[in-house]
Every structure is written in C-alpha cells, then in structure tokens.
Amino acid sequence: MTGKRSEYRFRPLVMRFVRPWGNLRDGIPIPMARSGHRIVCFGLSFYSFGGYNPKITDTEYVDDTWHRTKPLFQELWQFNLVSHTWTRIKGEGAMPEELASHSAVQCGPFMLVFGGTATPFGNSSSDSLYQCHLPTGRWQKIVTMGKKPKPMYGQAVCMSDDYLYVVGGTTGFQYSIDVHRLDLENRTWEQLFPPSPPPHTIPEERYRHEVVEHNGSLYVFGGGRSDTSCSLDHLPTFLLQQRVWATTSTRPDTRTNTFPKPRRCHVAIKVDKYVYLHGGYNGSEAFADLWRLSLTTFEWQLLPCKSLVPLYFHSAAVTEEGCMYIFGGVKDLTQNTRSAYINKVWLGVARLRDMCWEALCHYCPNLPSLPPSALLAMGIPLYIVEALQHQTPAYG
C-alpha cells in the first residue's frame, strides 16, 4: 500500500535538503564530497569550482584529472536548480591550479576566481585572476596591472559597481588585513591599505573571513588564524573614501540577547540590506546556525532554521529570486569528513511561479525528466522547459 504524499507548503526560512538526481541523460555522477570550494549562481543554476578532500582513495574515484590533481579538484560542476541535476563541465582554456580556499564571485555570465592554494597549503598560492564564461565553460587568465595582492588564500572578496575588493588572507605562514581593489574595466589593481606609514590601530589580521560592501564601507565578518577566531559583536569596517579602518558595533538578537559566536570558515552573503551568515567553526566547535544582520540597525537576528549538520569550509550563493543554496563543506569536526550535500533556504517569500514549480515537483518528482514536447503539452511554461534542457558542455 502506497503512503499518501505529504501536502506541499511553501515555507520561507526553513532549511531543506535538496536531493540531486544526477545527470539523467548522460549518466554523469554527482560531485565527490569536498571542502574549500566556491559556488556562484547564474541564471537557473549554481556552479561549483575547486575543492579539497584528502580522504578519497584512487579506487573510490577513478578519474584522470583527479589522479593528477588529488587531493584537489580541478573541476567545474553545474547544478540545474530546476531539474536538480548535476553536470560536470568540460572546461576549456586556462584553469586555475590553486584549488582550495580561493575566492569566487559572479559577474554577469562570468565567474571570477582569485587566489587560492595548492597542496601542501601555502607552498604554492595564487595572486592571479581567472574568469570562466559559464554558458560555455571557457576559462581565461586575466592580465592585470598595478599593485596587486600578494599570493595568498582564504582572502575575502566582494564586488561593487565595477570594482573587485580583496581583503586579508594568508600565505600559510603570515596573515594579512590588507585591502586592494581591481578596476574591472581597465584591469588595474590599487592598494587601499596599508598607507605609508600605516596607522597604529588596525583590525586583527585573518583568513577565511567574509566581506560585503554597503554605502561606501567594507564590513568584515569573522575569520581568524590557525588558533583564533574573530568576534562578530564588532565588525572591522573599512571606509573607502577615507581609506581608514573603523569599528562598527552590532546589537544582539533581541529574543536571545546573544551574538553569533566567534568563527571562521563560515559563509556570509549580502541580500539587499541584510547579511546572512551560516556555519563555520572556532577550532573546537562547529556551527549549523543561520543569522541575519540588518545593515540599517546592525542588529543580529538568530533565524529559526539550521542545517542538518554543522558545516564549515562550505560555500553558498543566492539566486536572483532570493533562495540560498549551500553545498559541501566539512561536516564532522572529529573525523574531518566532508559533505556533498545541498541545502536550500528561501530567505523571503518566493514568486508564485517558483512556488508552483516546487509544488508540481513535490507531487510529481519525475516531471523534470519528461521530454520537452510532453512538458509543453501539459502547459509547463517555456522558460521552465528551456531551463531543464540547458547545460554547459559536459565533461568527457
């Protein structure tokens, strides 16, 4: 006797596990578990690049590229958010070789990748910028001028207008809180901090922090060093016009009267006038919580959802529709095991068309695998049908 399927209800701020279908047409498996990778959203897909997993054996993953780059993944994967299928992208051109704790941002149809390290960590780090044209999977190393950051990994980056900002990072032996920006039009770097001579009061140098730009300031969230994690009740704030550091005091969650615990290796994403922060760890404790900070009142709010397991060294991105996807990361602090799970959480109320598609797939899970002619005959909108067919050229 078949059990009755539960009723679909749209629920914002509820963390849900996303079950991938693999690639139904080509039989390509899903990605191996990883950490230290980065994801970006573009269109109706998110893309994952790089990562690290020292626990995979040669017999567990039979792949020529992996055997050459292990324990690093020189891989670009596309996850179709409509069909829930993974595709390993072929990739052409110059791909980065430093594949752990790099940084990545989405810029139109491109993913920009900067920094990162090979193994052993710190022995070979990057100061190069690469771009990948996501619709085709074509990579290019970008030639830049000016005073660029030192080769590092674990730096934080963000984009604002036509600038890419880079803050901090580590060589594996030294830590930084330097600030650089790249003019993406003329491809020229400029060092904004430190000036000469540097001021006496500067924030703690760090890596695996996050940074966002808002109203002419860069706000730094967490991070740390191998033995410390930085507080989140005061945010280092770089004033772009004055080119000096300041401190922004935050306010605790009114319900619990608490701040997020100090942490590094978390994710933090700006959406409108809010920053959403998830996961991370402090060296002894890992976190599954989700927080929201208002960039108007600087008040923290502990949101009523968390991932199934604590995660750190994971990655997250938000769609234009306001759904945050979380992929991978370290999921077990004692065993140092990694995840290939996908979680998603709607940060607000979705559009009706997105709710309708979620409901259809809830009741008819095989719907995305039907041929386009059948979907169109059923009245499925053309943009959904086209999204189900879209994939960047596959690997192999």
Protein backbone atom coordinates (compact mmCIF):
# COMPACT_ATOMS: atom_id res chain seq x y z
CA MET A 1 0.00 0.00 0.00
CA THR A 2 1.46 3.30 -1.06
CA GLY A 3 1.58 6.07 1.54
CA LYS A 4 -0.05 9.39 0.80
CA ARG A 5 2.38 12.13 -0.21
CA SER A 6 2.55 14.97 2.27
CA GLU A 7 0.91 18.27 1.41
CA TYR A 8 3.17 20.89 -0.18
CA ARG A 9 3.51 24.14 1.73
CA PHE A 10 5.87 26.96 0.91
CA ARG A 11 7.94 27.83 3.96
CA PRO A 12 10.49 30.65 4.00
CA LEU A 13 13.42 30.42 6.42
CA VAL A 14 13.23 26.63 6.51
CA MET A 15 16.42 24.75 5.63
CA ARG A 16 15.69 21.88 3.23
CA PHE A 17 17.87 19.09 1.89
CA VAL A 18 17.94 19.04 -1.94
CA ARG A 19 18.10 15.55 -3.40
CA PRO A 20 20.13 15.61 -6.63
CA TRP A 21 19.06 13.35 -9.47
CA GLY A 22 22.49 13.11 -11.05
CA ASN A 23 22.54 13.78 -14.78
CA LEU A 24 19.70 11.66 -16.13
CA ARG A 25 20.68 12.00 -19.77
CA ASP A 26 24.41 11.33 -19.64
CA GLY A 27 24.76 9.19 -16.53
CA ILE A 28 27.37 11.53 -15.02
CA PRO A 29 27.73 11.01 -11.25
CA ILE A 30 27.32 13.73 -8.66
CA PRO A 31 30.42 15.50 -7.29
CA MET A 32 32.51 13.86 -4.62
CA ALA A 33 32.41 15.36 -1.12
CA ARG A 34 34.66 18.41 -0.80
CA SER A 35 35.61 21.49 1.18
CA GLY A 36 37.40 24.74 0.34
CA HIS A 37 35.49 25.13 -2.95
CA ARG A 38 33.33 28.07 -4.08
CA ILE A 39 29.91 28.32 -5.71
CA VAL A 40 28.15 31.12 -7.61
CA CYS A 41 24.62 31.37 -9.01
CA PHE A 42 23.92 32.29 -12.62
CA GLY A 43 20.53 32.00 -14.24
CA LEU A 44 18.76 28.86 -13.04
CA SER A 45 21.93 27.03 -11.99
CA PHE A 46 24.70 27.24 -9.46
CA TYR A 47 28.29 26.40 -10.37
CA SER A 48 30.91 24.88 -8.06
CA PHE A 49 34.65 25.16 -8.70
CA GLY A 50 37.61 23.56 -6.95
CA GLY A 51 37.79 22.00 -3.52
CA TYR A 52 39.77 19.55 -1.44
CA ASN A 53 39.33 16.08 0.04
CA PRO A 54 42.35 14.07 1.30
CA LYS A 55 40.25 11.02 2.24
CA ILE A 56 39.23 9.83 -1.24
CA THR A 57 41.05 6.73 -2.48
CA ASP A 58 42.11 6.03 -6.06
CA THR A 59 39.66 3.16 -6.27
CA GLU A 60 36.83 5.26 -4.88
CA TYR A 61 37.17 7.93 -7.59
CA VAL A 62 38.50 6.72 -10.93
CA ASP A 63 39.14 9.97 -12.78
CA ASP A 64 42.19 11.07 -14.76
CA THR A 65 42.03 14.70 -13.66
CA TRP A 66 41.64 13.71 -10.01
CA HIS A 67 44.63 11.39 -10.19
CA ARG A 68 46.70 14.33 -11.49
CA THR A 69 45.48 16.98 -9.00
CA LYS A 70 44.47 14.97 -5.88
CA PRO A 71 43.66 15.80 -3.14
CA LEU A 72 42.39 18.89 -5.00
CA PHE A 73 39.53 19.03 -7.51
CA GLN A 74 40.25 20.88 -10.75
CA GLU A 75 36.57 20.54 -11.57
CA LEU A 76 33.70 22.81 -12.53
CA TRP A 77 30.20 21.47 -11.88
CA GLN A 78 26.81 22.88 -12.79
CA PHE A 79 23.73 22.15 -10.67
CA ASN A 80 20.48 22.86 -12.53
CA LEU A 81 18.12 24.35 -9.95
CA VAL A 82 15.04 23.40 -11.97
CA SER A 83 15.81 19.75 -12.72
CA HIS A 84 18.08 19.14 -9.68
CA THR A 85 20.68 17.52 -11.92
CA TRP A 86 24.47 17.80 -11.78
CA THR A 87 26.64 18.18 -14.89
CA ARG A 88 30.44 18.07 -14.87
CA ILE A 89 31.50 20.84 -17.23
CA LYS A 90 34.16 20.10 -19.79
CA GLY A 91 36.05 23.35 -19.34
CA GLU A 92 38.46 24.77 -21.91
CA GLY A 93 41.36 27.18 -21.69
CA ALA A 94 43.50 28.12 -18.69
CA MET A 95 42.02 26.76 -15.47
CA PRO A 96 43.47 27.69 -12.06
CA GLU A 97 45.81 25.21 -10.40
CA GLU A 98 45.38 26.60 -6.85
CA LEU A 99 42.08 24.97 -5.98
CA ALA A 100 41.49 25.35 -2.23
CA SER A 101 40.31 28.40 -0.26
CA HIS A 102 40.25 30.56 -3.37
CA SER A 103 37.58 33.22 -3.79
CA ALA A 104 34.89 33.50 -6.44
CA VAL A 105 32.20 35.98 -7.45
CA GLN A 106 29.63 36.08 -10.22
CA CYS A 107 29.97 38.93 -12.73
CA GLY A 108 27.29 38.71 -15.41
CA PRO A 109 27.78 35.41 -17.27
CA PHE A 110 31.28 35.01 -15.78
CA MET A 111 32.66 33.50 -12.61
CA LEU A 112 35.76 35.38 -11.41
CA VAL A 113 38.22 33.26 -9.40
CA PHE A 114 41.06 34.85 -7.43
CA GLY A 115 43.78 33.50 -5.13
CA GLY A 116 43.79 30.05 -3.56
CA THR A 117 46.39 27.45 -2.68
CA ALA A 118 47.67 24.13 -3.93
CA THR A 119 48.96 21.45 -1.57
CA PRO A 120 50.78 21.45 0.77
CA PHE A 121 48.79 24.54 1.80
CA GLY A 122 50.81 27.73 1.45
CA ASN A 123 53.66 26.22 -0.56
CA SER A 124 52.07 27.42 -3.79
CA SER A 125 49.48 30.20 -3.56
CA SER A 126 47.99 32.40 -6.26
CA ASP A 127 47.81 36.12 -6.98
CA SER A 128 46.13 35.58 -10.36
CA LEU A 129 42.63 36.35 -11.57
CA TYR A 130 40.76 33.93 -13.83
CA GLN A 131 37.38 34.16 -15.43
CA CYS A 132 35.11 31.38 -16.64
CA HIS A 133 32.35 32.04 -19.17
CA LEU A 134 29.67 29.91 -17.54
CA PRO A 135 27.46 29.27 -20.61
CA THR A 136 30.42 27.71 -22.47
CA GLY A 137 32.82 26.63 -19.71
CA ARG A 138 35.71 28.55 -21.31
CA TRP A 139 38.45 29.75 -18.93
CA GLN A 140 40.83 32.68 -19.36
CA LYS A 141 43.63 34.06 -17.19
CA ILE A 142 43.17 37.83 -16.91
CA VAL A 143 46.24 40.04 -17.33
CA THR A 144 46.17 42.84 -14.76
CA MET A 145 48.36 45.82 -13.90
CA GLY A 146 49.15 47.82 -10.78
CA LYS A 147 49.88 46.77 -7.20
CA LYS A 148 48.00 43.53 -6.74
CA PRO A 149 47.66 41.47 -3.53
CA LYS A 150 50.38 39.03 -2.56
CA PRO A 151 49.87 35.35 -3.41
CA MET A 152 47.51 34.15 -0.69
CA TYR A 153 44.49 32.02 0.09
CA GLY A 154 41.49 32.39 2.37
CA GLN A 155 41.07 36.05 1.42
CA ALA A 156 37.61 37.63 1.32
CA VAL A 157 36.28 39.31 -1.81
CA CYS A 158 33.21 41.21 -2.89
CA MET A 159 32.10 43.21 -5.90
CA SER A 160 30.61 46.70 -6.01
CA ASP A 161 29.99 48.67 -9.18
CA ASP A 162 32.98 47.92 -11.43
CA TYR A 163 35.40 47.06 -8.63
CA LEU A 164 36.55 43.78 -7.11
CA TYR A 165 37.65 44.24 -3.48
CA VAL A 166 40.09 41.83 -1.79
CA VAL A 167 40.68 41.86 1.98
CA GLY A 168 43.17 39.84 4.03
CA GLY A 169 44.21 36.23 3.56
CA THR A 170 47.23 34.13 4.46
CA THR A 171 50.39 32.83 2.85
CA GLY A 172 50.18 29.84 5.17
CA PHE A 173 52.77 31.45 7.41
CA GLN A 174 51.70 35.09 7.65
CA TYR A 175 48.25 36.69 7.84
CA SER A 176 47.03 39.94 6.32
CA ILE A 177 44.34 42.59 6.61
CA ASP A 178 45.50 44.50 3.52
CA VAL A 179 42.83 45.96 1.23
CA HIS A 180 43.12 46.01 -2.56
CA ARG A 181 40.69 46.73 -5.34
CA LEU A 182 40.71 45.90 -9.01
CA ASP A 183 39.09 48.18 -11.57
CA LEU A 184 37.42 45.61 -13.79
CA GLU A 185 37.22 47.99 -16.75
CA ASN A 186 40.91 48.89 -17.04
CA ARG A 187 42.09 45.81 -15.08
CA THR A 188 44.32 47.82 -12.78
CA TRP A 189 44.96 46.97 -9.13
CA GLU A 190 45.21 49.61 -6.41
CA GLN A 191 46.30 49.04 -2.83
CA LEU A 192 43.98 50.92 -0.48
CA PHE A 193 45.55 49.77 2.79
CA PRO A 194 48.04 49.98 4.39
CA PRO A 195 49.09 53.51 3.56
CA SER A 196 52.63 54.64 4.27
CA PRO A 197 53.21 54.74 7.20
CA PRO A 198 50.37 52.55 8.47
CA PRO A 199 48.21 53.77 11.37
CA HIS A 200 48.63 52.33 14.85
CA THR A 201 45.13 50.83 15.13
CA ILE A 202 44.23 48.20 12.58
CA PRO A 203 42.00 45.11 12.80
CA GLU A 204 43.34 41.69 13.59
CA GLU A 205 44.95 40.03 10.57
CA ARG A 206 42.96 37.00 9.43
CA TYR A 207 41.86 34.48 6.82
CA ARG A 208 38.63 32.63 5.94
CA HIS A 209 36.52 35.67 6.84
CA GLU A 210 33.82 37.25 4.65
CA VAL A 211 33.35 40.82 3.44
CA VAL A 212 30.46 42.84 2.00
CA GLU A 213 30.27 46.40 0.67
CA HIS A 214 27.47 48.73 1.74
CA ASN A 215 27.16 52.50 1.33
CA GLY A 216 30.87 53.08 0.78
CA SER A 217 32.16 50.77 3.52
CA LEU A 218 33.57 47.25 3.61
CA TYR A 219 32.30 45.19 6.56
CA VAL A 220 34.40 42.19 7.63
CA PHE A 221 32.70 39.18 9.22
CA GLY A 222 34.66 36.82 11.44
CA GLY A 223 37.69 34.88 10.25
CA GLY A 224 40.80 34.16 12.24
CA ARG A 225 44.08 32.30 12.27
CA SER A 226 45.02 28.70 12.96
CA ASP A 227 44.50 29.18 16.70
CA THR A 228 41.92 32.00 16.97
CA SER A 229 38.53 33.10 15.66
CA CYS A 230 37.35 36.69 15.46
CA SER A 231 34.33 38.17 17.21
CA LEU A 232 31.13 39.21 15.44
CA ASP A 233 29.85 41.71 18.01
CA HIS A 234 32.19 44.32 16.48
CA LEU A 235 32.83 44.40 12.75
CA PRO A 236 36.06 45.80 11.27
CA THR A 237 34.87 48.44 8.81
CA PHE A 238 36.99 49.91 6.03
CA LEU A 239 35.83 53.37 4.94
CA LEU A 240 36.57 53.50 1.23
CA GLN A 241 36.59 57.28 0.81
CA GLN A 242 38.86 57.95 3.79
CA ARG A 243 40.83 54.70 3.32
CA VAL A 244 40.96 54.03 7.04
CA TRP A 245 39.72 51.28 9.33
CA ALA A 246 36.93 51.86 11.84
CA THR A 247 34.80 49.58 14.01
CA THR A 248 31.06 49.03 13.79
CA SER A 249 29.36 47.81 16.96
CA THR A 250 26.50 45.39 16.41
CA ARG A 251 23.47 44.69 18.60
CA PRO A 252 22.46 41.25 19.89
CA ASP A 253 19.42 39.25 18.90
CA THR A 254 16.53 40.72 20.91
CA ARG A 255 14.93 37.34 21.63
CA THR A 256 18.03 35.54 22.93
CA ASN A 257 20.20 38.56 23.82
CA THR A 258 23.11 36.82 22.07
CA PHE A 259 25.56 37.45 19.25
CA PRO A 260 26.85 34.83 16.82
CA LYS A 261 29.81 33.07 18.41
CA PRO A 262 33.26 33.94 17.01
CA ARG A 263 34.03 31.81 13.97
CA ARG A 264 35.98 31.32 10.77
CA CYS A 265 35.38 29.27 7.61
CA HIS A 266 31.70 30.31 7.53
CA VAL A 267 29.68 31.86 4.70
CA ALA A 268 28.16 35.35 4.66
CA ILE A 269 26.08 36.74 1.81
CA LYS A 270 24.56 40.18 1.32
CA VAL A 271 20.96 40.35 0.08
CA ASP A 272 19.57 43.88 -0.16
CA LYS A 273 20.18 45.49 3.26
CA TYR A 274 20.84 42.25 5.11
CA VAL A 275 23.77 39.89 5.55
CA TYR A 276 23.04 36.19 6.08
CA LEU A 277 25.72 34.20 7.94
CA HIS A 278 25.80 30.41 8.20
CA GLY A 279 28.02 27.80 9.81
CA GLY A 280 31.74 28.00 10.45
CA TYR A 281 33.85 26.84 13.37
CA ASN A 282 36.19 28.15 16.06
CA GLY A 283 38.68 25.30 16.27
CA SER A 284 36.72 23.30 18.84
CA GLU A 285 33.06 23.81 17.91
CA ALA A 286 31.34 23.78 14.51
CA PHE A 287 28.07 25.58 13.80
CA ALA A 288 24.83 24.87 11.91
CA ASP A 289 23.08 28.15 12.75
CA LEU A 290 21.80 30.84 10.38
CA TRP A 291 21.96 34.51 11.39
CA ARG A 292 20.78 37.73 9.74
CA LEU A 293 22.32 41.15 10.30
CA SER A 294 20.49 44.34 9.34
CA LEU A 295 22.84 46.81 7.67
CA THR A 296 20.47 49.58 8.78
CA THR A 297 20.23 48.89 12.52
CA PHE A 298 23.22 46.46 12.82
CA GLU A 299 21.06 44.17 14.90
CA TRP A 300 21.61 40.42 14.73
CA GLN A 301 18.71 38.00 14.43
CA LEU A 302 19.06 34.27 15.02
CA LEU A 303 16.83 32.72 12.38
CA PRO A 304 14.66 29.71 13.21
CA CYS A 305 16.47 27.23 10.98
CA LYS A 306 19.78 25.42 10.76
CA SER A 307 21.49 22.87 8.56
CA LEU A 308 21.10 19.19 9.45
CA VAL A 309 24.77 19.04 10.48
CA PRO A 310 27.30 21.74 11.36
CA LEU A 311 29.29 22.86 8.32
CA TYR A 312 32.49 24.80 7.74
CA PHE A 313 34.76 25.31 4.74
CA HIS A 314 31.49 25.08 2.77
CA SER A 315 30.16 27.53 0.17
CA ALA A 316 26.87 29.31 -0.52
CA ALA A 317 25.23 31.53 -3.12
CA VAL A 318 21.85 33.21 -3.55
CA THR A 319 19.68 33.21 -6.67
CA GLU A 320 18.10 36.36 -8.07
CA GLU A 321 14.80 35.05 -6.68
CA GLY A 322 16.18 35.01 -3.12
CA CYS A 323 16.88 31.32 -2.47
CA MET A 324 20.19 30.50 -0.78
CA TYR A 325 21.93 27.25 -1.73
CA ILE A 326 24.64 25.68 0.44
CA PHE A 327 26.94 22.98 -0.93
CA GLY A 328 29.65 20.78 0.56
CA GLY A 329 31.97 21.53 3.45
CA VAL A 330 33.42 19.71 6.44
CA LYS A 331 30.56 18.11 8.38
CA ASP A 332 32.32 16.27 11.21
CA LEU A 333 34.82 18.04 13.43
CA THR A 334 36.34 14.92 14.97
CA GLN A 335 36.53 12.71 11.88
CA ASN A 336 37.24 15.61 9.47
CA THR A 337 34.78 14.16 6.96
CA ARG A 338 33.33 16.15 4.11
CA SER A 339 29.91 16.52 2.54
CA ALA A 340 28.44 16.59 -0.97
CA TYR A 341 25.01 17.59 0.34
CA ILE A 342 22.98 20.52 -0.97
CA ASN A 343 20.74 22.56 1.32
CA LYS A 344 18.50 25.42 0.34
CA VAL A 345 16.55 28.06 2.23
CA TRP A 346 14.20 30.71 0.88
CA LEU A 347 15.22 33.98 2.53
CA GLY A 348 11.84 35.58 1.80
CA VAL A 349 8.57 34.90 0.00
CA ALA A 350 9.16 33.41 -3.45
CA ARG A 351 7.38 34.41 -6.61
CA LEU A 352 4.22 32.46 -7.36
CA ARG A 353 5.79 30.77 -10.39
CA ASP A 354 8.62 29.37 -8.23
CA MET A 355 6.14 28.09 -5.65
CA CYS A 356 4.10 26.44 -8.39
CA TRP A 357 7.09 24.61 -9.85
CA GLU A 358 8.17 23.44 -6.39
CA ALA A 359 4.65 22.15 -5.77
CA LEU A 360 4.50 20.31 -9.11
CA CYS A 361 7.84 18.61 -8.45
CA HIS A 362 6.74 17.75 -4.91
CA TYR A 363 3.70 15.85 -6.19
CA CYS A 364 5.27 14.62 -9.46
CA PRO A 365 9.01 14.13 -8.76
CA ASN A 366 9.66 12.59 -12.20
CA LEU A 367 8.27 15.63 -14.01
CA PRO A 368 11.69 17.19 -14.83
CA SER A 369 12.76 14.02 -16.69
CA LEU A 370 9.88 14.13 -19.18
CA PRO A 371 10.64 15.15 -22.80
CA PRO A 372 10.12 18.80 -23.73
CA SER A 373 7.16 18.04 -26.02
CA ALA A 374 5.30 16.35 -23.17
CA LEU A 375 6.02 19.21 -20.78
CA LEU A 376 4.82 21.83 -23.27
CA ALA A 377 1.68 19.81 -23.98
CA MET A 378 0.96 19.81 -20.23
CA GLY A 379 1.20 23.61 -20.18
CA ILE A 380 4.58 23.89 -18.44
CA PRO A 381 5.96 27.39 -19.22
CA LEU A 382 8.59 27.61 -21.94
CA TYR A 383 11.22 29.14 -19.64
CA ILE A 384 10.99 26.08 -17.38
CA VAL A 385 11.28 23.69 -20.32
CA GLU A 386 14.29 25.59 -21.68
CA ALA A 387 15.94 25.62 -18.26
CA LEU A 388 15.51 21.86 -17.97
CA GLN A 389 17.39 21.39 -21.24
CA HIS A 390 20.19 23.89 -20.51
CA GLN A 391 23.60 22.69 -19.57
CA THR A 392 27.12 23.87 -20.28
CA PRO A 393 29.09 21.41 -22.48
CA ALA A 394 29.59 18.28 -20.39
CA TYR A 395 32.88 16.71 -19.37
CA GLY A 396 34.18 13.54 -21.04
